[in-house]
Every structure is written in structure tokens, then in C-alpha cells.
N, C-alpha and C. Protein backbone atom coordinates (compact mmCIF):
# COMPACT_ATOMS: atom_id res chain seq x y z
N MET A 1 -51.73 -32.22 -8.71
CA MET A 1 -51.55 -31.33 -7.57
C MET A 1 -50.18 -31.61 -6.94
N SER A 2 -49.40 -30.57 -6.68
CA SER A 2 -48.07 -30.76 -6.10
C SER A 2 -48.13 -30.81 -4.58
N GLN A 3 -47.29 -31.65 -4.02
CA GLN A 3 -47.22 -31.79 -2.57
C GLN A 3 -46.40 -30.64 -1.99
N LYS A 4 -46.86 -30.12 -0.87
CA LYS A 4 -46.14 -29.03 -0.19
C LYS A 4 -44.81 -29.56 0.36
N ARG A 5 -43.76 -28.79 0.14
CA ARG A 5 -42.44 -29.19 0.63
C ARG A 5 -42.37 -28.98 2.14
N THR A 6 -42.01 -30.03 2.85
CA THR A 6 -41.86 -29.95 4.30
C THR A 6 -40.47 -30.43 4.70
N ILE A 7 -40.05 -30.02 5.88
CA ILE A 7 -38.76 -30.44 6.40
C ILE A 7 -38.87 -31.87 6.89
N LYS A 8 -37.94 -32.70 6.45
CA LYS A 8 -37.90 -34.10 6.87
C LYS A 8 -36.99 -34.25 8.09
N ASN A 9 -35.75 -33.75 7.98
CA ASN A 9 -34.86 -33.77 9.13
C ASN A 9 -33.79 -32.69 8.98
N ILE A 10 -33.10 -32.46 10.09
CA ILE A 10 -32.09 -31.42 10.15
C ILE A 10 -30.85 -32.00 10.84
N TYR A 11 -29.69 -31.65 10.32
CA TYR A 11 -28.41 -31.98 10.94
C TYR A 11 -27.72 -30.69 11.34
N THR A 12 -27.05 -30.70 12.48
CA THR A 12 -26.32 -29.51 12.93
C THR A 12 -24.94 -29.92 13.45
N ASP A 13 -23.99 -28.98 13.36
CA ASP A 13 -22.68 -29.22 13.95
C ASP A 13 -21.99 -27.89 14.18
N GLY A 14 -21.07 -27.90 15.13
CA GLY A 14 -20.25 -26.74 15.42
C GLY A 14 -18.79 -27.14 15.46
N ALA A 15 -17.91 -26.18 15.20
CA ALA A 15 -16.47 -26.46 15.21
C ALA A 15 -15.73 -25.22 15.69
N CYS A 16 -14.55 -25.45 16.22
CA CYS A 16 -13.73 -24.36 16.72
C CYS A 16 -12.27 -24.70 16.46
N THR A 17 -11.50 -23.72 15.99
CA THR A 17 -10.05 -23.93 15.83
C THR A 17 -9.40 -23.30 17.04
N GLY A 18 -9.09 -24.13 18.01
CA GLY A 18 -8.74 -23.65 19.34
C GLY A 18 -10.03 -23.60 20.13
N ASN A 19 -9.96 -23.68 21.41
CA ASN A 19 -11.19 -23.65 22.20
C ASN A 19 -10.91 -22.91 23.51
N PRO A 20 -11.05 -21.58 23.53
CA PRO A 20 -11.71 -20.75 22.52
C PRO A 20 -10.81 -20.41 21.33
N GLY A 21 -11.48 -19.93 20.29
CA GLY A 21 -10.82 -19.51 19.07
C GLY A 21 -11.86 -19.24 18.02
N PRO A 22 -11.45 -19.08 16.76
CA PRO A 22 -12.41 -18.88 15.67
C PRO A 22 -13.30 -20.11 15.54
N GLY A 23 -14.58 -19.88 15.36
CA GLY A 23 -15.53 -20.99 15.28
C GLY A 23 -16.47 -20.88 14.11
N GLY A 24 -17.07 -22.01 13.78
CA GLY A 24 -18.05 -22.06 12.71
C GLY A 24 -19.15 -23.04 13.06
N TRP A 25 -20.28 -22.86 12.41
CA TRP A 25 -21.41 -23.78 12.59
C TRP A 25 -21.96 -24.15 11.22
N GLY A 26 -22.58 -25.32 11.16
CA GLY A 26 -23.18 -25.79 9.92
C GLY A 26 -24.52 -26.44 10.17
N VAL A 27 -25.43 -26.24 9.21
CA VAL A 27 -26.77 -26.82 9.28
C VAL A 27 -27.11 -27.39 7.91
N LEU A 28 -27.67 -28.59 7.90
CA LEU A 28 -28.16 -29.21 6.68
C LEU A 28 -29.63 -29.55 6.91
N VAL A 29 -30.49 -29.02 6.05
CA VAL A 29 -31.93 -29.28 6.14
C VAL A 29 -32.31 -30.15 4.95
N LYS A 30 -32.92 -31.29 5.24
CA LYS A 30 -33.39 -32.18 4.17
C LYS A 30 -34.92 -32.13 4.14
N PHE A 31 -35.45 -31.90 2.95
CA PHE A 31 -36.90 -31.79 2.76
C PHE A 31 -37.49 -33.12 2.29
N ASN A 32 -38.80 -33.23 2.37
CA ASN A 32 -39.48 -34.47 2.00
C ASN A 32 -39.31 -34.82 0.53
N ASP A 33 -38.96 -33.85 -0.33
CA ASP A 33 -38.71 -34.14 -1.75
C ASP A 33 -37.22 -34.42 -2.00
N ASN A 34 -36.46 -34.62 -0.91
CA ASN A 34 -35.03 -34.93 -0.93
C ASN A 34 -34.14 -33.77 -1.38
N THR A 35 -34.70 -32.56 -1.49
CA THR A 35 -33.85 -31.41 -1.73
C THR A 35 -33.20 -31.03 -0.41
N ILE A 36 -32.10 -30.27 -0.53
CA ILE A 36 -31.30 -29.92 0.64
C ILE A 36 -31.07 -28.42 0.67
N HIS A 37 -31.07 -27.87 1.86
CA HIS A 37 -30.70 -26.47 2.08
C HIS A 37 -29.62 -26.47 3.16
N GLU A 38 -28.49 -25.80 2.87
CA GLU A 38 -27.38 -25.76 3.82
C GLU A 38 -27.14 -24.32 4.27
N MET A 39 -26.68 -24.18 5.51
CA MET A 39 -26.36 -22.87 6.07
C MET A 39 -25.10 -23.00 6.91
N GLY A 40 -24.39 -21.91 7.06
CA GLY A 40 -23.21 -21.90 7.91
C GLY A 40 -22.87 -20.49 8.31
N GLY A 41 -22.05 -20.37 9.34
CA GLY A 41 -21.65 -19.06 9.81
C GLY A 41 -20.36 -19.15 10.62
N ARG A 42 -19.83 -17.98 10.94
CA ARG A 42 -18.53 -17.88 11.62
C ARG A 42 -18.63 -16.88 12.76
N VAL A 43 -17.90 -17.16 13.83
CA VAL A 43 -17.71 -16.24 14.95
C VAL A 43 -16.21 -16.19 15.19
N GLU A 44 -15.68 -14.99 15.33
CA GLU A 44 -14.22 -14.81 15.42
C GLU A 44 -13.63 -15.41 16.69
N GLN A 45 -14.29 -15.25 17.82
CA GLN A 45 -13.77 -15.75 19.10
C GLN A 45 -14.91 -16.42 19.86
N THR A 46 -14.82 -17.74 20.01
CA THR A 46 -15.93 -18.48 20.60
C THR A 46 -15.43 -19.84 21.11
N THR A 47 -16.37 -20.70 21.46
CA THR A 47 -16.04 -22.07 21.89
C THR A 47 -16.82 -23.06 21.04
N ASN A 48 -16.37 -24.30 21.08
CA ASN A 48 -17.05 -25.36 20.35
C ASN A 48 -18.51 -25.51 20.81
N ASN A 49 -18.73 -25.48 22.12
CA ASN A 49 -20.11 -25.64 22.62
C ASN A 49 -21.02 -24.51 22.16
N ARG A 50 -20.49 -23.29 22.11
CA ARG A 50 -21.31 -22.17 21.62
C ARG A 50 -21.67 -22.36 20.15
N MET A 51 -20.74 -22.92 19.37
CA MET A 51 -21.03 -23.15 17.95
C MET A 51 -22.05 -24.27 17.77
N GLU A 52 -21.98 -25.31 18.60
CA GLU A 52 -22.99 -26.37 18.57
C GLU A 52 -24.38 -25.79 18.87
N LEU A 53 -24.44 -24.94 19.88
CA LEU A 53 -25.71 -24.30 20.24
C LEU A 53 -26.19 -23.37 19.14
N GLN A 54 -25.28 -22.59 18.56
CA GLN A 54 -25.66 -21.65 17.50
C GLN A 54 -26.27 -22.38 16.30
N ALA A 55 -25.68 -23.51 15.94
CA ALA A 55 -26.21 -24.28 14.81
C ALA A 55 -27.66 -24.71 15.08
N THR A 56 -27.93 -25.19 16.29
CA THR A 56 -29.30 -25.64 16.58
C THR A 56 -30.26 -24.46 16.65
N ILE A 57 -29.80 -23.32 17.12
CA ILE A 57 -30.66 -22.12 17.17
C ILE A 57 -31.06 -21.72 15.75
N VAL A 58 -30.10 -21.66 14.85
CA VAL A 58 -30.40 -21.29 13.46
C VAL A 58 -31.38 -22.29 12.85
N ALA A 59 -31.15 -23.57 13.10
CA ALA A 59 -32.04 -24.61 12.57
C ALA A 59 -33.47 -24.44 13.08
N LEU A 60 -33.62 -24.18 14.38
CA LEU A 60 -34.97 -24.04 14.92
C LEU A 60 -35.63 -22.73 14.50
N LYS A 61 -34.85 -21.70 14.28
CA LYS A 61 -35.42 -20.46 13.74
C LYS A 61 -36.02 -20.72 12.36
N LEU A 62 -35.30 -21.47 11.53
CA LEU A 62 -35.82 -21.82 10.21
C LEU A 62 -37.10 -22.65 10.35
N LEU A 63 -37.07 -23.66 11.19
CA LEU A 63 -38.25 -24.51 11.39
C LEU A 63 -39.43 -23.68 11.87
N ASN A 64 -39.21 -22.81 12.85
CA ASN A 64 -40.30 -22.04 13.43
C ASN A 64 -40.83 -20.96 12.49
N SER A 65 -40.04 -20.56 11.49
CA SER A 65 -40.52 -19.58 10.53
C SER A 65 -41.34 -20.24 9.42
N SER A 66 -41.35 -21.56 9.40
CA SER A 66 -42.12 -22.29 8.38
C SER A 66 -43.53 -22.55 8.93
N THR A 67 -44.38 -23.05 8.05
CA THR A 67 -45.74 -23.40 8.46
C THR A 67 -45.84 -24.88 8.79
N GLN A 68 -44.71 -25.51 8.96
CA GLN A 68 -44.65 -26.95 9.19
C GLN A 68 -45.38 -27.35 10.47
N VAL A 69 -46.16 -28.40 10.36
CA VAL A 69 -46.82 -28.96 11.54
C VAL A 69 -46.32 -30.36 11.85
N GLU A 70 -45.72 -31.02 10.85
CA GLU A 70 -45.20 -32.37 11.05
C GLU A 70 -43.94 -32.32 11.91
N PRO A 71 -43.72 -33.33 12.74
CA PRO A 71 -42.48 -33.38 13.53
C PRO A 71 -41.26 -33.58 12.63
N ILE A 72 -40.12 -33.12 13.09
CA ILE A 72 -38.86 -33.32 12.39
C ILE A 72 -37.87 -33.94 13.37
N THR A 73 -36.88 -34.60 12.84
CA THR A 73 -35.81 -35.12 13.67
C THR A 73 -34.60 -34.22 13.49
N LEU A 74 -34.05 -33.74 14.59
CA LEU A 74 -32.84 -32.93 14.56
C LEU A 74 -31.70 -33.79 15.07
N TYR A 75 -30.70 -34.00 14.22
CA TYR A 75 -29.54 -34.82 14.55
C TYR A 75 -28.35 -33.92 14.89
N THR A 76 -27.72 -34.21 16.01
CA THR A 76 -26.51 -33.51 16.42
C THR A 76 -25.55 -34.52 17.04
N ASP A 77 -24.25 -34.25 16.90
CA ASP A 77 -23.27 -35.12 17.55
C ASP A 77 -22.88 -34.58 18.92
N SER A 78 -23.57 -33.53 19.37
CA SER A 78 -23.25 -32.90 20.65
C SER A 78 -24.14 -33.44 21.77
N LYS A 79 -23.54 -34.27 22.64
CA LYS A 79 -24.28 -34.74 23.82
C LYS A 79 -24.61 -33.56 24.73
N TYR A 80 -23.76 -32.56 24.73
CA TYR A 80 -23.98 -31.33 25.51
C TYR A 80 -25.31 -30.69 25.11
N VAL A 81 -25.56 -30.56 23.81
CA VAL A 81 -26.81 -29.96 23.34
C VAL A 81 -27.99 -30.87 23.66
N ILE A 82 -27.86 -32.16 23.37
CA ILE A 82 -28.97 -33.10 23.60
C ILE A 82 -29.36 -33.14 25.08
N LYS A 83 -28.38 -33.35 25.96
CA LYS A 83 -28.69 -33.43 27.39
C LYS A 83 -29.19 -32.10 27.92
N GLY A 84 -28.58 -31.02 27.44
CA GLY A 84 -28.98 -29.70 27.90
C GLY A 84 -30.42 -29.38 27.59
N ILE A 85 -30.84 -29.59 26.32
CA ILE A 85 -32.18 -29.18 25.92
C ILE A 85 -33.26 -30.17 26.33
N THR A 86 -32.91 -31.43 26.49
CA THR A 86 -33.93 -32.43 26.85
C THR A 86 -34.00 -32.71 28.35
N SER A 87 -32.99 -32.28 29.11
CA SER A 87 -32.96 -32.64 30.52
C SER A 87 -32.52 -31.48 31.42
N TRP A 88 -31.29 -31.04 31.26
CA TRP A 88 -30.71 -30.07 32.19
C TRP A 88 -31.48 -28.76 32.27
N VAL A 89 -32.02 -28.30 31.13
CA VAL A 89 -32.67 -26.98 31.09
C VAL A 89 -33.84 -26.90 32.07
N ILE A 90 -34.49 -27.99 32.33
CA ILE A 90 -35.63 -28.01 33.26
C ILE A 90 -35.16 -27.58 34.65
N GLY A 91 -34.08 -28.20 35.12
CA GLY A 91 -33.53 -27.85 36.44
C GLY A 91 -32.93 -26.45 36.46
N TRP A 92 -32.25 -26.07 35.37
CA TRP A 92 -31.65 -24.73 35.32
C TRP A 92 -32.72 -23.66 35.49
N LYS A 93 -33.85 -23.83 34.82
CA LYS A 93 -34.91 -22.82 34.91
C LYS A 93 -35.50 -22.79 36.33
N LYS A 94 -35.69 -23.97 36.91
CA LYS A 94 -36.21 -24.04 38.29
C LYS A 94 -35.27 -23.35 39.27
N ASN A 95 -33.95 -23.47 39.00
CA ASN A 95 -32.93 -22.92 39.90
C ASN A 95 -32.48 -21.52 39.49
N GLY A 96 -33.27 -20.83 38.69
CA GLY A 96 -32.91 -19.47 38.29
C GLY A 96 -31.65 -19.43 37.42
N TRP A 97 -31.55 -20.39 36.50
CA TRP A 97 -30.41 -20.52 35.58
C TRP A 97 -29.09 -20.71 36.34
N LYS A 98 -29.17 -21.56 37.36
CA LYS A 98 -27.99 -21.99 38.10
C LYS A 98 -27.89 -23.51 37.97
N THR A 99 -26.66 -24.02 38.01
CA THR A 99 -26.44 -25.46 37.95
C THR A 99 -26.79 -26.08 39.30
N SER A 100 -26.72 -27.39 39.37
CA SER A 100 -26.98 -28.06 40.64
C SER A 100 -25.93 -27.70 41.69
N GLN A 101 -24.78 -27.19 41.22
CA GLN A 101 -23.74 -26.71 42.15
C GLN A 101 -23.91 -25.22 42.46
N LYS A 102 -25.05 -24.66 42.07
CA LYS A 102 -25.40 -23.25 42.33
C LYS A 102 -24.51 -22.25 41.58
N LYS A 103 -23.90 -22.70 40.48
CA LYS A 103 -23.07 -21.82 39.66
C LYS A 103 -23.88 -21.38 38.44
N PRO A 104 -23.57 -20.22 37.88
CA PRO A 104 -24.29 -19.79 36.68
C PRO A 104 -24.10 -20.79 35.52
N VAL A 105 -25.15 -21.03 34.78
CA VAL A 105 -25.10 -21.93 33.63
C VAL A 105 -24.22 -21.30 32.55
N LEU A 106 -23.24 -22.07 32.07
CA LEU A 106 -22.40 -21.60 30.97
C LEU A 106 -23.25 -21.47 29.71
N ASN A 107 -23.00 -20.44 28.94
CA ASN A 107 -23.72 -20.21 27.68
C ASN A 107 -25.21 -19.98 27.89
N GLN A 108 -25.55 -19.41 29.03
CA GLN A 108 -26.96 -19.18 29.38
C GLN A 108 -27.69 -18.38 28.30
N ASP A 109 -27.03 -17.40 27.70
CA ASP A 109 -27.68 -16.59 26.68
C ASP A 109 -28.19 -17.46 25.53
N LEU A 110 -27.37 -18.39 25.09
CA LEU A 110 -27.77 -19.26 23.98
C LEU A 110 -28.77 -20.32 24.43
N TRP A 111 -28.59 -20.85 25.63
CA TRP A 111 -29.56 -21.83 26.15
C TRP A 111 -30.95 -21.22 26.26
N MET A 112 -31.03 -19.97 26.68
CA MET A 112 -32.35 -19.33 26.82
C MET A 112 -33.03 -19.18 25.46
N ILE A 113 -32.26 -18.84 24.44
CA ILE A 113 -32.81 -18.72 23.08
C ILE A 113 -33.26 -20.09 22.59
N LEU A 114 -32.39 -21.10 22.74
CA LEU A 114 -32.73 -22.44 22.28
C LEU A 114 -33.97 -22.96 23.01
N ASP A 115 -34.06 -22.72 24.29
CA ASP A 115 -35.23 -23.16 25.07
C ASP A 115 -36.51 -22.52 24.54
N ARG A 116 -36.44 -21.23 24.20
CA ARG A 116 -37.61 -20.53 23.65
C ARG A 116 -38.02 -21.10 22.30
N LEU A 117 -37.05 -21.48 21.48
CA LEU A 117 -37.33 -21.98 20.14
C LEU A 117 -37.75 -23.45 20.12
N ASN A 118 -37.33 -24.21 21.12
CA ASN A 118 -37.63 -25.64 21.15
C ASN A 118 -39.13 -25.86 21.27
N ASN A 119 -39.62 -26.91 20.62
CA ASN A 119 -41.06 -27.21 20.70
C ASN A 119 -41.27 -28.70 20.45
N GLN A 120 -42.53 -29.11 20.52
CA GLN A 120 -42.83 -30.53 20.42
C GLN A 120 -42.70 -31.09 19.01
N LYS A 121 -42.47 -30.23 18.01
CA LYS A 121 -42.23 -30.72 16.65
C LYS A 121 -40.83 -31.31 16.51
N VAL A 122 -39.94 -31.01 17.48
CA VAL A 122 -38.54 -31.42 17.37
C VAL A 122 -38.29 -32.72 18.13
N ILE A 123 -37.79 -33.70 17.41
CA ILE A 123 -37.34 -34.95 18.02
C ILE A 123 -35.80 -34.89 18.01
N TRP A 124 -35.22 -34.82 19.18
CA TRP A 124 -33.77 -34.67 19.32
C TRP A 124 -33.09 -36.03 19.26
N LYS A 125 -32.11 -36.18 18.37
CA LYS A 125 -31.40 -37.45 18.24
C LYS A 125 -29.89 -37.21 18.20
N HIS A 126 -29.19 -38.02 18.98
CA HIS A 126 -27.72 -37.96 18.97
C HIS A 126 -27.21 -38.88 17.88
N VAL A 127 -26.23 -38.39 17.12
CA VAL A 127 -25.55 -39.19 16.12
C VAL A 127 -24.06 -39.14 16.45
N LYS A 128 -23.40 -40.26 16.38
CA LYS A 128 -21.97 -40.31 16.69
C LYS A 128 -21.21 -39.51 15.64
N GLY A 129 -20.39 -38.58 16.11
CA GLY A 129 -19.60 -37.75 15.20
C GLY A 129 -18.50 -38.54 14.52
N HIS A 130 -18.18 -38.13 13.31
CA HIS A 130 -17.07 -38.71 12.54
C HIS A 130 -17.23 -40.23 12.38
N SER A 131 -18.48 -40.65 12.18
CA SER A 131 -18.74 -42.08 12.03
C SER A 131 -19.30 -42.42 10.66
N GLY A 132 -19.20 -41.48 9.72
CA GLY A 132 -19.64 -41.76 8.36
C GLY A 132 -21.08 -41.39 8.06
N ASN A 133 -21.79 -40.79 9.01
CA ASN A 133 -23.16 -40.34 8.74
C ASN A 133 -23.09 -39.15 7.78
N PRO A 134 -23.66 -39.26 6.58
CA PRO A 134 -23.49 -38.21 5.57
C PRO A 134 -23.96 -36.82 6.01
N GLY A 135 -25.09 -36.73 6.68
CA GLY A 135 -25.58 -35.43 7.14
C GLY A 135 -24.66 -34.80 8.16
N ASN A 136 -24.22 -35.59 9.11
CA ASN A 136 -23.31 -35.09 10.14
C ASN A 136 -21.96 -34.73 9.54
N GLU A 137 -21.45 -35.56 8.65
CA GLU A 137 -20.16 -35.27 8.02
C GLU A 137 -20.21 -33.97 7.22
N ARG A 138 -21.32 -33.75 6.50
CA ARG A 138 -21.44 -32.52 5.71
C ARG A 138 -21.49 -31.30 6.62
N CYS A 139 -22.24 -31.37 7.71
CA CYS A 139 -22.30 -30.25 8.65
C CYS A 139 -20.93 -29.97 9.25
N ASP A 140 -20.20 -31.01 9.55
CA ASP A 140 -18.85 -30.86 10.08
C ASP A 140 -17.96 -30.15 9.06
N THR A 141 -18.06 -30.52 7.79
CA THR A 141 -17.28 -29.88 6.73
C THR A 141 -17.63 -28.40 6.63
N ILE A 142 -18.91 -28.08 6.68
CA ILE A 142 -19.36 -26.69 6.61
C ILE A 142 -18.84 -25.91 7.81
N ALA A 143 -19.03 -26.45 9.01
CA ALA A 143 -18.61 -25.76 10.24
C ALA A 143 -17.11 -25.52 10.25
N ARG A 144 -16.33 -26.53 9.87
CA ARG A 144 -14.87 -26.39 9.87
C ARG A 144 -14.40 -25.36 8.84
N ALA A 145 -15.04 -25.35 7.68
CA ALA A 145 -14.66 -24.37 6.66
C ALA A 145 -14.91 -22.95 7.16
N PHE A 146 -16.05 -22.72 7.78
CA PHE A 146 -16.34 -21.39 8.32
C PHE A 146 -15.38 -21.04 9.45
N ALA A 147 -15.09 -22.01 10.32
CA ALA A 147 -14.15 -21.75 11.44
C ALA A 147 -12.78 -21.35 10.91
N LYS A 148 -12.36 -21.96 9.82
CA LYS A 148 -11.05 -21.68 9.23
C LYS A 148 -11.10 -20.53 8.22
N ASN A 149 -12.30 -19.95 8.04
CA ASN A 149 -12.51 -18.84 7.11
C ASN A 149 -12.14 -19.24 5.68
N GLN A 150 -12.51 -20.48 5.32
CA GLN A 150 -12.23 -21.00 3.99
C GLN A 150 -13.48 -20.93 3.11
N GLU A 151 -13.27 -20.86 1.81
CA GLU A 151 -14.37 -20.90 0.86
C GLU A 151 -15.03 -22.27 0.89
N ILE A 152 -16.36 -22.29 0.80
CA ILE A 152 -17.09 -23.56 0.69
C ILE A 152 -18.38 -23.29 -0.08
N ASP A 153 -18.71 -24.19 -0.97
CA ASP A 153 -19.98 -24.10 -1.70
C ASP A 153 -21.05 -24.76 -0.84
N ILE A 154 -22.10 -24.02 -0.56
CA ILE A 154 -23.21 -24.60 0.18
C ILE A 154 -24.45 -24.55 -0.70
N GLN A 155 -25.29 -25.56 -0.53
CA GLN A 155 -26.51 -25.67 -1.34
C GLN A 155 -27.66 -24.91 -0.73
């Protein structure tokens, strides 16, 4: 009997050439059988933070479209994403999507989507960027290639 393939962990990253400027995002999904699925995309005019958020949105859409019930670990080098989704979003929603300084939350459109997609199956983990972590490095390569509109082979 074959074991059902489930997601083991996910890595995400975003990149921008100029900020704002052309941007790209990358996602690496590792399954319990050690197979990998990679995704990436490009936005012509954006910011690095928007690309970090976009990568996590795509990752969670994939997770939520699966029948997976086991928790997964999502690794990102973006403290902005980690703090935003695990802490800040609670206050933003209470304050009508305003910051503690009563200003509109930047990237609210993407934060609202990410908040809707987030669930208890996701364990959010920060990984230091550019520190040799293979999953993070690969996502960075994918995101940068898309930002620069370069060819890249993805699995």
C-alpha cells in the first residue's frame, strides 16, 4: 500500500530590483517523500514586502487546496511577514485595519488575503536569509530570476 503524499514544509521568498521596481516571488514545497514542487511569479511594479507576502499567499493557497490535515512548517526570511501574521494582524483587525498610530496598514489587500488563508496547520518559522539554508537560498534564486525576468528551470 502506498503512503499518501503530504506536504512536509514550505519555503517562501520575495525579491525586488529597486524598491519599488520589478519584483518576483518564489516558493519551494517539500513533500514527505522528499519530492519538491517549485513555483514563482513576477510583478512589473511592486515592493519587496509585497513579493514576500505574495509568496506566502501562493503557498497557503496550495496548502488549503490540498486535503492535508497534518501541520506544516512555513519558512520565510521575512520578519515583516512573520510578525505581521502572528502578531500585528490581531491589532490591525481590532483597529479596523489601522496601525497603532491610526494610519492605514500598508499592503492591507495582501494582509487580508493572507489572514483569510492562514490556519492552525501552519507553523510559521523565521530563517535567516542568505545564511546557506538550501530551501531559502533556492526560493531567493527563483524570486530574483523572476524579478529580473530571467529564464529559470523550476521543478
